[in-house]
Amino acid sequence: MSKYLVTGGAGYVGSVVAAHLIEAGHTVTVVDDLSTGFREAVPAGAAFIEGRVQDTAKWLDATYDAVLHFAAFSQVGESVAVPEKYWANNVGGTMALLAAMREAGVGRLVFSSTAATYGEPVSTPVTETDPTAPTSPYGASKLAVDHMIAGECAAHGLAAVSLRYFNVAGAYGDRGERHDPESHLIPLVLQVALGEREFISVYGDDYPTPDGTCVRDYIHVADLAQAHLLALTAATAGEHLVCNLGNGNGFSVREVVETAREVTGHEIPEVVAPRRAGDPAILVASAARAHERLGWRPTRAGLADIVADAWAFARRTERSGA
């Protein structure tokens, strides 16, 4: 068994990955400043350090086998309004982390990247060789980190895998999405089912898709976590491997809403609103490289399963008042 440092391990994806690592028998230390994460999301059995990724050198030493890096700000709109926050944390924090890894002699990294690095796709499904043209400082900051990691691999022999997520959804036990403000479709739809919102806004119903609404690729957070464990094994010294993670299938906004109605038993009113600038009609990932290089395939690909797990988490959170 191995020892891993998980930065941002009190957040949505980071906490689920940390839980999977512990279940696999590994030793885990979570570092998180709790600016967007939750202390209760850190799995039992993990050591916890409340701190910033910029200070990783204080805790990282040669006893660690690898780092899994999730510590980043991720709100697209906020990144447009306050870009310096994203450059300082996402880029500056990772630069400090890479320096700490060099100093400690820790030579393996799995990085939480994003489909936002591609911007508006030129074709679908999106592959790793497609152009990267991010349309927000958030996406640009993640792409800058990918470039940094590539240089680290070439110059210093780092073994690194960047995993570019598309739309992560669902929940894993008592770990699920809790963003403030919330911007993701599935938790927003479930807020309507819970009575916390009057309706769900459908931004555009005249796209060239089967029902006129945007089509997106949703991946269950537990499938995503499994990809991180496989990436630790696949990481190769001197190589920066970039893999898209997605279902490979798209679901429209209206399909998500209708599935939520079926799962929750609630009506969920919808209101059609104008299109949002920059929303592509279809955004679906090709995960062929992840299949080939990581041996990864999603096992919870059904939309109803994803929504049902998210709904169970939403109701649990409502009851607890969290």
C-alpha atoms as a PDB file:
ATOM      1  CA  MET A   1       0.000   0.000   0.000  1.00  0.00           C
ATOM      2  CA  SER A   2       1.079   3.596  -0.657  1.00  0.00           C
ATOM      3  CA  LYS A   3       0.997   6.997   1.023  1.00  0.00           C
ATOM      4  CA  TYR A   4      -0.678   9.887  -0.799  1.00  0.00           C
ATOM      5  CA  LEU A   5      -1.109  13.612  -0.277  1.00  0.00           C
ATOM      6  CA  VAL A   6      -4.494  14.889  -1.519  1.00  0.00           C
ATOM      7  CA  THR A   7      -4.691  18.666  -1.923  1.00  0.00           C
ATOM      8  CA  GLY A   8      -8.233  20.020  -1.882  1.00  0.00           C
ATOM      9  CA  GLY A   9      -9.425  16.769  -0.353  1.00  0.00           C
ATOM     10  CA  ALA A  10     -12.301  18.414   1.531  1.00  0.00           C
ATOM     11  CA  GLY A  11     -13.994  19.397  -1.735  1.00  0.00           C
ATOM     12  CA  TYR A  12     -16.490  17.482  -3.860  1.00  0.00           C
ATOM     13  CA  VAL A  13     -14.210  15.420  -6.110  1.00  0.00           C
ATOM     14  CA  GLY A  14     -11.167  15.457  -3.824  1.00  0.00           C
ATOM     15  CA  SER A  15     -13.074  13.992  -0.876  1.00  0.00           C
ATOM     16  CA  VAL A  16     -14.557  11.185  -2.984  1.00  0.00           C
ATOM     17  CA  VAL A  17     -11.122  10.316  -4.357  1.00  0.00           C
ATOM     18  CA  ALA A  18      -9.654  10.374  -0.829  1.00  0.00           C
ATOM     19  CA  ALA A  19     -12.404   8.002   0.306  1.00  0.00           C
ATOM     20  CA  HIS A  20     -11.629   5.596  -2.548  1.00  0.00           C
ATOM     21  CA  LEU A  21      -7.921   5.660  -1.703  1.00  0.00           C
ATOM     22  CA  ILE A  22      -8.626   4.784   1.937  1.00  0.00           C
ATOM     23  CA  GLU A  23     -11.039   2.024   0.924  1.00  0.00           C
ATOM     24  CA  ALA A  24      -8.244   0.602  -1.235  1.00  0.00           C
ATOM     25  CA  GLY A  25      -6.018   0.425   1.863  1.00  0.00           C
ATOM     26  CA  HIS A  26      -3.765   3.413   1.231  1.00  0.00           C
ATOM     27  CA  THR A  27      -2.556   6.028   3.720  1.00  0.00           C
ATOM     28  CA  VAL A  28      -3.951   9.475   2.940  1.00  0.00           C
ATOM     29  CA  THR A  29      -3.221  12.999   4.133  1.00  0.00           C
ATOM     30  CA  VAL A  30      -5.677  15.707   3.068  1.00  0.00           C
ATOM     31  CA  VAL A  31      -4.579  19.334   2.822  1.00  0.00           C
ATOM     32  CA  ASP A  32      -7.383  21.888   2.411  1.00  0.00           C
ATOM     33  CA  ASP A  33      -7.867  25.478   3.532  1.00  0.00           C
ATOM     34  CA  LEU A  34     -11.668  24.928   3.770  1.00  0.00           C
ATOM     35  CA  SER A  35     -12.355  28.051   1.713  1.00  0.00           C
ATOM     36  CA  THR A  36     -14.761  26.026  -0.430  1.00  0.00           C
ATOM     37  CA  GLY A  37     -14.454  22.538   1.089  1.00  0.00           C
ATOM     38  CA  PHE A  38     -16.038  21.004   4.187  1.00  0.00           C
ATOM     39  CA  ARG A  39     -14.188  19.458   7.122  1.00  0.00           C
ATOM     40  CA  GLU A  40     -16.867  16.762   7.497  1.00  0.00           C
ATOM     41  CA  ALA A  41     -16.245  15.620   3.908  1.00  0.00           C
ATOM     42  CA  VAL A  42     -12.718  14.467   4.774  1.00  0.00           C
ATOM     43  CA  PRO A  43     -13.026  10.681   5.112  1.00  0.00           C
ATOM     44  CA  ALA A  44     -12.450   8.960   8.415  1.00  0.00           C
ATOM     45  CA  GLY A  45      -8.995   7.452   8.433  1.00  0.00           C
ATOM     46  CA  ALA A  46      -7.381  10.349   6.567  1.00  0.00           C
ATOM     47  CA  ALA A  47      -4.994  12.690   8.328  1.00  0.00           C
ATOM     48  CA  PHE A  48      -6.129  16.293   7.894  1.00  0.00           C
ATOM     49  CA  ILE A  49      -4.065  19.478   7.639  1.00  0.00           C
ATOM     50  CA  GLU A  50      -5.881  22.792   7.376  1.00  0.00           C
ATOM     51  CA  GLY A  51      -3.636  24.812   5.132  1.00  0.00           C
ATOM     52  CA  ARG A  52      -2.996  26.265   1.706  1.00  0.00           C
ATOM     53  CA  VAL A  53      -1.448  24.416  -1.200  1.00  0.00           C
ATOM     54  CA  GLN A  54       1.109  27.247  -1.431  1.00  0.00           C
ATOM     55  CA  ASP A  55       2.570  25.908   1.840  1.00  0.00           C
ATOM     56  CA  THR A  56       2.886  22.272   0.771  1.00  0.00           C
ATOM     57  CA  ALA A  57       6.641  22.301   1.422  1.00  0.00           C
ATOM     58  CA  LYS A  58       5.847  22.386   5.161  1.00  0.00           C
ATOM     59  CA  TRP A  59       4.277  18.918   5.057  1.00  0.00           C
ATOM     60  CA  LEU A  60       5.483  17.038   1.977  1.00  0.00           C
ATOM     61  CA  ASP A  61       8.411  14.688   2.424  1.00  0.00           C
ATOM     62  CA  ALA A  62       9.958  11.640   0.790  1.00  0.00           C
ATOM     63  CA  THR A  63       7.590   9.232   2.578  1.00  0.00           C
ATOM     64  CA  TYR A  64       4.826  10.161   0.120  1.00  0.00           C
ATOM     65  CA  ASP A  65       4.496   8.107  -3.043  1.00  0.00           C
ATOM     66  CA  ALA A  66       2.432  10.653  -5.009  1.00  0.00           C
ATOM     67  CA  VAL A  67       0.305  13.781  -4.873  1.00  0.00           C
ATOM     68  CA  LEU A  68      -3.271  14.085  -6.128  1.00  0.00           C
ATOM     69  CA  HIS A  69      -3.952  17.770  -6.736  1.00  0.00           C
ATOM     70  CA  PHE A  70      -7.511  19.158  -6.516  1.00  0.00           C
ATOM     71  CA  ALA A  71      -6.906  22.465  -4.712  1.00  0.00           C
ATOM     72  CA  ALA A  72      -8.286  25.096  -7.087  1.00  0.00           C
ATOM     73  CA  PHE A  73     -10.995  27.688  -7.433  1.00  0.00           C
ATOM     74  CA  SER A  74     -13.445  26.571 -10.124  1.00  0.00           C
ATOM     75  CA  GLN A  75     -16.236  29.127 -10.660  1.00  0.00           C
ATOM     76  CA  VAL A  76     -16.137  30.341 -14.259  1.00  0.00           C
ATOM     77  CA  GLY A  77     -18.120  33.525 -13.619  1.00  0.00           C
ATOM     78  CA  GLU A  78     -16.026  34.493 -10.619  1.00  0.00           C
ATOM     79  CA  SER A  79     -12.852  33.931 -12.610  1.00  0.00           C
ATOM     80  CA  VAL A  80     -14.033  36.515 -15.142  1.00  0.00           C
ATOM     81  CA  ALA A  81     -14.782  39.041 -12.386  1.00  0.00           C
ATOM     82  CA  VAL A  82     -11.686  38.353 -10.260  1.00  0.00           C
ATOM     83  CA  PRO A  83      -9.082  36.730 -12.550  1.00  0.00           C
ATOM     84  CA  GLU A  84      -6.173  37.516 -10.236  1.00  0.00           C
ATOM     85  CA  LYS A  85      -7.654  35.170  -7.611  1.00  0.00           C
ATOM     86  CA  TYR A  86      -7.457  32.304 -10.099  1.00  0.00           C
ATOM     87  CA  TRP A  87      -3.962  33.030 -11.314  1.00  0.00           C
ATOM     88  CA  ALA A  88      -2.668  33.368  -7.744  1.00  0.00           C
ATOM     89  CA  ASN A  89      -4.261  30.177  -6.429  1.00  0.00           C
ATOM     90  CA  ASN A  90      -4.592  27.808  -9.359  1.00  0.00           C
ATOM     91  CA  VAL A  91      -1.302  28.685 -11.060  1.00  0.00           C
ATOM     92  CA  GLY A  92       0.750  30.086  -8.185  1.00  0.00           C
ATOM     93  CA  GLY A  93      -0.389  27.339  -5.834  1.00  0.00           C
ATOM     94  CA  THR A  94       0.539  24.611  -8.298  1.00  0.00           C
ATOM     95  CA  MET A  95       3.926  26.205  -8.939  1.00  0.00           C
ATOM     96  CA  ALA A  96       4.625  26.030  -5.193  1.00  0.00           C
ATOM     97  CA  LEU A  97       3.382  22.437  -5.099  1.00  0.00           C
ATOM     98  CA  LEU A  98       5.688  21.365  -7.944  1.00  0.00           C
ATOM     99  CA  ALA A  99       8.644  23.001  -6.213  1.00  0.00           C
ATOM    100  CA  ALA A 100       7.805  21.165  -2.980  1.00  0.00           C
ATOM    101  CA  MET A 101       7.584  17.868  -4.865  1.00  0.00           C
ATOM    102  CA  ARG A 102      11.010  18.427  -6.446  1.00  0.00           C
ATOM    103  CA  GLU A 103      12.515  19.294  -3.074  1.00  0.00           C
ATOM    104  CA  ALA A 104      10.987  16.245  -1.367  1.00  0.00           C
ATOM    105  CA  GLY A 105      11.754  13.861  -4.216  1.00  0.00           C
ATOM    106  CA  VAL A 106       8.092  12.941  -4.808  1.00  0.00           C
ATOM    107  CA  GLY A 107       7.901  12.053  -8.474  1.00  0.00           C
ATOM    108  CA  ARG A 108       4.260  11.219  -9.233  1.00  0.00           C
ATOM    109  CA  LEU A 109       1.306  13.575  -9.724  1.00  0.00           C
ATOM    110  CA  VAL A 110      -2.346  13.251 -10.742  1.00  0.00           C
ATOM    111  CA  PHE A 111      -3.863  16.622 -11.590  1.00  0.00           C
ATOM    112  CA  SER A 112      -7.526  17.591 -11.630  1.00  0.00           C
ATOM    113  CA  SER A 113      -7.853  19.414 -14.951  1.00  0.00           C
ATOM    114  CA  THR A 114     -10.991  20.369 -16.850  1.00  0.00           C
ATOM    115  CA  ALA A 115     -12.807  20.389 -20.188  1.00  0.00           C
ATOM    116  CA  ALA A 116     -12.795  24.180 -19.834  1.00  0.00           C
ATOM    117  CA  THR A 117      -9.276  24.069 -21.294  1.00  0.00           C
ATOM    118  CA  TYR A 118     -10.851  23.404 -24.713  1.00  0.00           C
ATOM    119  CA  GLY A 119     -13.192  26.391 -24.715  1.00  0.00           C
ATOM    120  CA  GLU A 120     -15.810  26.132 -27.442  1.00  0.00           C
ATOM    121  CA  PRO A 121     -15.112  22.793 -29.160  1.00  0.00           C
ATOM    122  CA  VAL A 122     -14.401  22.642 -32.873  1.00  0.00           C
ATOM    123  CA  SER A 123     -15.916  19.167 -33.131  1.00  0.00           C
ATOM    124  CA  THR A 124     -17.575  16.511 -30.993  1.00  0.00           C
ATOM    125  CA  PRO A 125     -16.739  14.204 -29.339  1.00  0.00           C
ATOM    126  CA  VAL A 126     -13.818  16.220 -27.993  1.00  0.00           C
ATOM    127  CA  THR A 127     -10.422  14.509 -28.067  1.00  0.00           C
ATOM    128  CA  GLU A 128      -7.172  15.407 -26.317  1.00  0.00           C
ATOM    129  CA  THR A 129      -5.621  16.490 -29.629  1.00  0.00           C
ATOM    130  CA  ASP A 130      -8.311  19.119 -30.265  1.00  0.00           C
ATOM    131  CA  PRO A 131      -7.281  22.777 -29.944  1.00  0.00           C
ATOM    132  CA  THR A 132      -7.211  24.306 -26.462  1.00  0.00           C
ATOM    133  CA  ALA A 133      -8.733  27.782 -26.442  1.00  0.00           C
ATOM    134  CA  PRO A 134     -10.222  28.479 -22.988  1.00  0.00           C
ATOM    135  CA  THR A 135     -12.836  31.220 -22.802  1.00  0.00           C
ATOM    136  CA  SER A 136     -12.432  32.080 -19.103  1.00  0.00           C
ATOM    137  CA  PRO A 137      -9.560  32.774 -16.706  1.00  0.00           C
ATOM    138  CA  TYR A 138     -10.569  29.566 -14.902  1.00  0.00           C
ATOM    139  CA  GLY A 139     -10.003  27.441 -18.009  1.00  0.00           C
ATOM    140  CA  ALA A 140      -6.865  29.401 -18.867  1.00  0.00           C
ATOM    141  CA  SER A 141      -5.439  28.844 -15.380  1.00  0.00           C
ATOM    142  CA  LYS A 142      -5.964  25.088 -15.664  1.00  0.00           C
ATOM    143  CA  LEU A 143      -4.377  25.029 -19.116  1.00  0.00           C
ATOM    144  CA  ALA A 144      -1.400  27.012 -17.783  1.00  0.00           C
ATOM    145  CA  VAL A 145      -0.962  24.361 -15.088  1.00  0.00           C
ATOM    146  CA  ASP A 146      -1.061  21.619 -17.712  1.00  0.00           C
ATOM    147  CA  HIS A 147       1.752  23.409 -19.566  1.00  0.00           C
ATOM    148  CA  MET A 148       3.710  23.753 -16.304  1.00  0.00           C
ATOM    149  CA  ILE A 149       3.348  20.063 -15.576  1.00  0.00           C
ATOM    150  CA  ALA A 150       4.463  19.126 -19.097  1.00  0.00           C
ATOM    151  CA  GLY A 151       7.622  21.160 -18.592  1.00  0.00           C
ATOM    152  CA  GLU A 152       8.244  19.545 -15.215  1.00  0.00           C
ATOM    153  CA  CYS A 153       7.957  16.091 -16.754  1.00  0.00           C
ATOM    154  CA  ALA A 154      10.381  16.930 -19.565  1.00  0.00           C
ATOM    155  CA  ALA A 155      12.945  18.701 -17.386  1.00  0.00           C
ATOM    156  CA  HIS A 156      12.805  16.718 -14.145  1.00  0.00           C
ATOM    157  CA  GLY A 157      11.308  13.327 -14.991  1.00  0.00           C
ATOM    158  CA  LEU A 158       8.009  13.863 -13.187  1.00  0.00           C
ATOM    159  CA  ALA A 159       5.410  11.160 -13.863  1.00  0.00           C
ATOM    160  CA  ALA A 160       2.117  13.027 -14.295  1.00  0.00           C
ATOM    161  CA  VAL A 161      -1.428  12.484 -15.501  1.00  0.00           C
ATOM    162  CA  SER A 162      -3.883  15.340 -16.083  1.00  0.00           C
ATOM    163  CA  LEU A 163      -7.519  14.272 -16.084  1.00  0.00           C
ATOM    164  CA  ARG A 164      -9.828  16.635 -17.945  1.00  0.00           C
ATOM    165  CA  TYR A 165     -13.335  16.256 -16.541  1.00  0.00           C
ATOM    166  CA  PHE A 166     -16.491  17.117 -18.391  1.00  0.00           C
ATOM    167  CA  ASN A 167     -19.660  17.320 -16.224  1.00  0.00           C
ATOM    168  CA  VAL A 168     -19.126  15.578 -12.891  1.00  0.00           C
ATOM    169  CA  ALA A 169     -22.333  14.686 -11.073  1.00  0.00           C
ATOM    170  CA  GLY A 170     -23.895  12.295  -8.586  1.00  0.00           C
ATOM    171  CA  ALA A 171     -22.745  11.574  -5.052  1.00  0.00           C
ATOM    172  CA  TYR A 172     -20.818   8.967  -3.123  1.00  0.00           C
ATOM    173  CA  GLY A 173     -22.514   8.281   0.189  1.00  0.00           C
ATOM    174  CA  ASP A 174     -22.458  11.483   2.211  1.00  0.00           C
ATOM    175  CA  ARG A 175     -20.152  13.276  -0.248  1.00  0.00           C
ATOM    176  CA  GLY A 176     -21.791  15.296  -2.998  1.00  0.00           C
ATOM    177  CA  GLU A 177     -21.990  18.693  -4.661  1.00  0.00           C
ATOM    178  CA  ARG A 178     -22.212  21.738  -2.398  1.00  0.00           C
ATOM    179  CA  HIS A 179     -21.292  24.896  -4.265  1.00  0.00           C
ATOM    180  CA  ASP A 180     -22.096  28.457  -3.245  1.00  0.00           C
ATOM    181  CA  PRO A 181     -23.339  29.813  -5.532  1.00  0.00           C
ATOM    182  CA  GLU A 182     -24.536  26.654  -7.272  1.00  0.00           C
ATOM    183  CA  SER A 183     -24.113  26.666 -11.050  1.00  0.00           C
ATOM    184  CA  HIS A 184     -24.418  23.001 -12.085  1.00  0.00           C
ATOM    185  CA  LEU A 185     -27.598  21.729 -13.683  1.00  0.00           C
ATOM    186  CA  ILE A 186     -28.350  18.568 -11.677  1.00  0.00           C
ATOM    187  CA  PRO A 187     -28.113  20.118  -8.186  1.00  0.00           C
ATOM    188  CA  LEU A 188     -30.066  23.162  -9.444  1.00  0.00           C
ATOM    189  CA  VAL A 189     -32.856  20.910 -10.735  1.00  0.00           C
ATOM    190  CA  LEU A 190     -32.909  19.070  -7.418  1.00  0.00           C
ATOM    191  CA  GLN A 191     -33.192  22.372  -5.556  1.00  0.00           C
ATOM    192  CA  VAL A 192     -36.476  22.882  -7.427  1.00  0.00           C
ATOM    193  CA  ALA A 193     -37.618  19.424  -6.322  1.00  0.00           C
ATOM    194  CA  LEU A 194     -36.766  20.360  -2.728  1.00  0.00           C
ATOM    195  CA  GLY A 195     -38.761  23.576  -2.952  1.00  0.00           C
ATOM    196  CA  GLU A 196     -35.676  25.777  -2.683  1.00  0.00           C
ATOM    197  CA  ARG A 197     -36.263  27.224  -6.175  1.00  0.00           C
ATOM    198  CA  GLU A 198     -39.515  27.900  -7.992  1.00  0.00           C
ATOM    199  CA  PHE A 199     -38.376  26.615 -11.387  1.00  0.00           C
ATOM    200  CA  ILE A 200     -35.368  25.562 -13.452  1.00  0.00           C
ATOM    201  CA  SER A 201     -34.217  27.892 -16.220  1.00  0.00           C
ATOM    202  CA  VAL A 202     -33.619  26.242 -19.598  1.00  0.00           C
ATOM    203  CA  TYR A 203     -31.228  28.485 -21.491  1.00  0.00           C
ATOM    204  CA  GLY A 204     -32.310  28.108 -25.090  1.00  0.00           C
ATOM    205  CA  ASP A 205     -34.611  25.526 -26.674  1.00  0.00           C
ATOM    206  CA  ASP A 206     -33.703  26.125 -30.323  1.00  0.00           C
ATOM    207  CA  TYR A 207     -30.334  24.398 -30.568  1.00  0.00           C
ATOM    208  CA  PRO A 208     -29.693  21.867 -33.375  1.00  0.00           C
ATOM    209  CA  THR A 209     -30.231  18.911 -31.002  1.00  0.00           C
ATOM    210  CA  PRO A 210     -33.061  16.344 -30.822  1.00  0.00           C
ATOM    211  CA  ASP A 211     -35.137  18.383 -28.330  1.00  0.00           C
ATOM    212  CA  GLY A 212     -33.629  21.829 -28.933  1.00  0.00           C
ATOM    213  CA  THR A 213     -31.734  22.025 -25.622  1.00  0.00           C
ATOM    214  CA  CYS A 214     -27.988  21.737 -25.018  1.00  0.00           C
ATOM    215  CA  VAL A 215     -26.452  18.272 -24.748  1.00  0.00           C
ATOM    216  CA  ARG A 216     -23.772  17.572 -22.157  1.00  0.00           C
ATOM    217  CA  ASP A 217     -21.656  14.619 -21.040  1.00  0.00           C
ATOM    218  CA  TYR A 218     -22.266  13.623 -17.391  1.00  0.00           C
ATOM    219  CA  ILE A 219     -19.925  11.371 -15.435  1.00  0.00           C
ATOM    220  CA  HIS A 220     -20.582   9.896 -11.999  1.00  0.00           C
ATOM    221  CA  VAL A 221     -18.163  11.178  -9.354  1.00  0.00           C
ATOM    222  CA  ALA A 222     -17.396   7.604  -8.209  1.00  0.00           C
ATOM    223  CA  ASP A 223     -16.362   6.642 -11.752  1.00  0.00           C
ATOM    224  CA  LEU A 224     -14.201   9.749 -11.802  1.00  0.00           C
ATOM    225  CA  ALA A 225     -12.552   8.700  -8.542  1.00  0.00           C
ATOM    226  CA  GLN A 226     -11.715   5.287  -9.943  1.00  0.00           C
ATOM    227  CA  ALA A 227      -9.936   6.956 -12.863  1.00  0.00           C
ATOM    228  CA  HIS A 228      -7.634   8.738 -10.414  1.00  0.00           C
ATOM    229  CA  LEU A 229      -6.574   5.460  -8.813  1.00  0.00           C
ATOM    230  CA  LEU A 230      -5.869   3.991 -12.231  1.00  0.00           C
ATOM    231  CA  ALA A 231      -3.919   7.120 -13.211  1.00  0.00           C
ATOM    232  CA  LEU A 232      -1.570   6.626 -10.262  1.00  0.00           C
ATOM    233  CA  THR A 233      -0.589   3.277 -11.732  1.00  0.00           C
ATOM    234  CA  ALA A 234      -0.384   4.549 -15.315  1.00  0.00           C
ATOM    235  CA  ALA A 235       1.862   7.548 -14.545  1.00  0.00           C
ATOM    236  CA  THR A 236       5.237   7.141 -16.271  1.00  0.00           C
ATOM    237  CA  ALA A 237       8.432   9.021 -15.444  1.00  0.00           C
ATOM    238  CA  GLY A 238       9.098  11.828 -17.909  1.00  0.00           C
ATOM    239  CA  GLU A 239       5.621  11.694 -19.452  1.00  0.00           C
ATOM    240  CA  HIS A 240       2.697  14.072 -19.066  1.00  0.00           C
ATOM    241  CA  LEU A 241      -0.371  12.044 -20.009  1.00  0.00           C
ATOM    242  CA  VAL A 242      -3.588  13.989 -20.634  1.00  0.00           C
ATOM    243  CA  CYS A 243      -6.879  12.065 -20.605  1.00  0.00           C
ATOM    244  CA  ASN A 244     -10.462  13.228 -21.044  1.00  0.00           C
ATOM    245  CA  LEU A 245     -12.970  11.717 -18.645  1.00  0.00           C
ATOM    246  CA  GLY A 246     -16.575  11.502 -19.741  1.00  0.00           C
ATOM    247  CA  ASN A 247     -19.412   9.143 -20.422  1.00  0.00           C
ATOM    248  CA  GLY A 248     -19.069   9.388 -24.171  1.00  0.00           C
ATOM    249  CA  ASN A 249     -22.847   9.855 -24.287  1.00  0.00           C
ATOM    250  CA  GLY A 250     -24.693  13.133 -24.111  1.00  0.00           C
ATOM    251  CA  PHE A 251     -27.887  14.016 -22.259  1.00  0.00           C
ATOM    252  CA  SER A 252     -29.911  17.130 -23.041  1.00  0.00           C
ATOM    253  CA  VAL A 253     -31.080  19.661 -20.481  1.00  0.00           C
ATOM    254  CA  ARG A 254     -34.648  18.449 -20.940  1.00  0.00           C
ATOM    255  CA  GLU A 255     -33.568  14.816 -20.477  1.00  0.00           C
ATOM    256  CA  VAL A 256     -31.936  15.774 -17.177  1.00  0.00           C
ATOM    257  CA  VAL A 257     -35.065  17.604 -16.021  1.00  0.00           C
ATOM    258  CA  GLU A 258     -37.363  14.750 -17.036  1.00  0.00           C
ATOM    259  CA  THR A 259     -35.110  12.180 -15.349  1.00  0.00           C
ATOM    260  CA  ALA A 260     -35.144  14.284 -12.166  1.00  0.00           C
ATOM    261  CA  ARG A 261     -38.959  14.343 -12.274  1.00  0.00           C
ATOM    262  CA  GLU A 262     -39.022  10.559 -12.502  1.00  0.00           C
ATOM    263  CA  VAL A 263     -36.430  10.043  -9.762  1.00  0.00           C
ATOM    264  CA  THR A 264     -37.840  12.577  -7.284  1.00  0.00           C
ATOM    265  CA  GLY A 265     -41.542  12.287  -8.023  1.00  0.00           C
ATOM    266  CA  HIS A 266     -41.775  16.094  -8.157  1.00  0.00           C
ATOM    267  CA  GLU A 267     -43.162  18.241 -10.936  1.00  0.00           C
ATOM    268  CA  ILE A 268     -40.091  20.540 -11.423  1.00  0.00           C
ATOM    269  CA  PRO A 269     -41.427  23.479 -13.462  1.00  0.00           C
ATOM    270  CA  GLU A 270     -39.155  24.816 -16.192  1.00  0.00           C
ATOM    271  CA  VAL A 271     -38.926  28.235 -17.814  1.00  0.00           C
ATOM    272  CA  VAL A 272     -37.238  28.796 -21.167  1.00  0.00           C
ATOM    273  CA  ALA A 273     -34.717  31.647 -21.021  1.00  0.00           C
ATOM    274  CA  PRO A 274     -32.501  33.173 -23.745  1.00  0.00           C
ATOM    275  CA  ARG A 275     -29.378  31.314 -24.793  1.00  0.00           C
ATOM    276  CA  ARG A 276     -26.229  32.050 -22.821  1.00  0.00           C
ATOM    277  CA  ALA A 277     -23.264  33.370 -24.785  1.00  0.00           C
ATOM    278  CA  GLY A 278     -20.646  30.713 -25.455  1.00  0.00           C
ATOM    279  CA  ASP A 279     -22.845  27.680 -24.758  1.00  0.00           C
ATOM    280  CA  PRO A 280     -22.080  25.077 -27.455  1.00  0.00           C
ATOM    281  CA  ALA A 281     -25.008  22.937 -28.605  1.00  0.00           C
ATOM    282  CA  ILE A 282     -23.210  19.660 -27.849  1.00  0.00           C
ATOM    283  CA  LEU A 283     -20.261  19.014 -25.558  1.00  0.00           C
ATOM    284  CA  VAL A 284     -19.364  15.341 -25.289  1.00  0.00           C
ATOM    285  CA  ALA A 285     -15.997  13.756 -24.517  1.00  0.00           C
ATOM    286  CA  SER A 286     -14.106  11.029 -26.250  1.00  0.00           C
ATOM    287  CA  ALA A 287     -12.637   8.932 -23.432  1.00  0.00           C
ATOM    288  CA  ALA A 288     -10.870   6.536 -25.807  1.00  0.00           C
ATOM    289  CA  ARG A 289      -7.429   7.475 -24.484  1.00  0.00           C
ATOM    290  CA  ALA A 290      -8.522   6.869 -20.878  1.00  0.00           C
ATOM    291  CA  HIS A 291      -9.878   3.482 -21.942  1.00  0.00           C
ATOM    292  CA  GLU A 292      -6.604   2.606 -23.656  1.00  0.00           C
ATOM    293  CA  ARG A 293      -3.997   4.069 -21.288  1.00  0.00           C
ATOM    294  CA  LEU A 294      -5.748   3.795 -17.920  1.00  0.00           C
ATOM    295  CA  GLY A 295      -7.988   0.789 -18.533  1.00  0.00           C
ATOM    296  CA  TRP A 296     -10.868   2.954 -17.357  1.00  0.00           C
ATOM    297  CA  ARG A 297     -14.527   2.657 -18.289  1.00  0.00           C
ATOM    298  CA  PRO A 298     -17.461   4.227 -16.439  1.00  0.00           C
ATOM    299  CA  THR A 299     -19.689   1.745 -14.624  1.00  0.00           C
ATOM    300  CA  ARG A 300     -22.429   4.185 -13.556  1.00  0.00           C
ATOM    301  CA  ALA A 301     -23.219   5.649 -16.952  1.00  0.00           C
ATOM    302  CA  GLY A 302     -27.003   5.784 -16.647  1.00  0.00           C
ATOM    303  CA  LEU A 303     -28.441   9.245 -16.056  1.00  0.00           C
ATOM    304  CA  ALA A 304     -31.085   7.896 -13.644  1.00  0.00           C
ATOM    305  CA  ASP A 305     -28.362   6.377 -11.419  1.00  0.00           C
ATOM    306  CA  ILE A 306     -26.420   9.646 -11.379  1.00  0.00           C
ATOM    307  CA  VAL A 307     -29.497  11.711 -10.516  1.00  0.00           C
ATOM    308  CA  ALA A 308     -30.709   9.218  -7.904  1.00  0.00           C
ATOM    309  CA  ASP A 309     -27.406   9.377  -6.010  1.00  0.00           C
ATOM    310  CA  ALA A 310     -27.422  13.183  -6.192  1.00  0.00           C
ATOM    311  CA  TRP A 311     -31.030  13.224  -4.947  1.00  0.00           C
ATOM    312  CA  ALA A 312     -30.228  10.986  -1.978  1.00  0.00           C
ATOM    313  CA  PHE A 313     -27.381  13.331  -1.036  1.00  0.00           C
ATOM    314  CA  ALA A 314     -29.553  16.448  -1.483  1.00  0.00           C
ATOM    315  CA  ARG A 315     -32.250  15.063   0.814  1.00  0.00           C
ATOM    316  CA  ARG A 316     -29.689  13.971   3.398  1.00  0.00           C
ATOM    317  CA  THR A 317     -28.099  17.432   3.357  1.00  0.00           C
ATOM    318  CA  GLU A 318     -31.510  19.120   3.688  1.00  0.00           C
ATOM    319  CA  ARG A 319     -32.402  16.976   6.710  1.00  0.00           C
ATOM    320  CA  SER A 320     -29.104  17.683   8.414  1.00  0.00           C
ATOM    321  CA  GLY A 321     -29.365  21.407   7.718  1.00  0.00           C
ATOM    322  CA  ALA A 322     -25.881  21.456   6.177  1.00  0.00           C
END
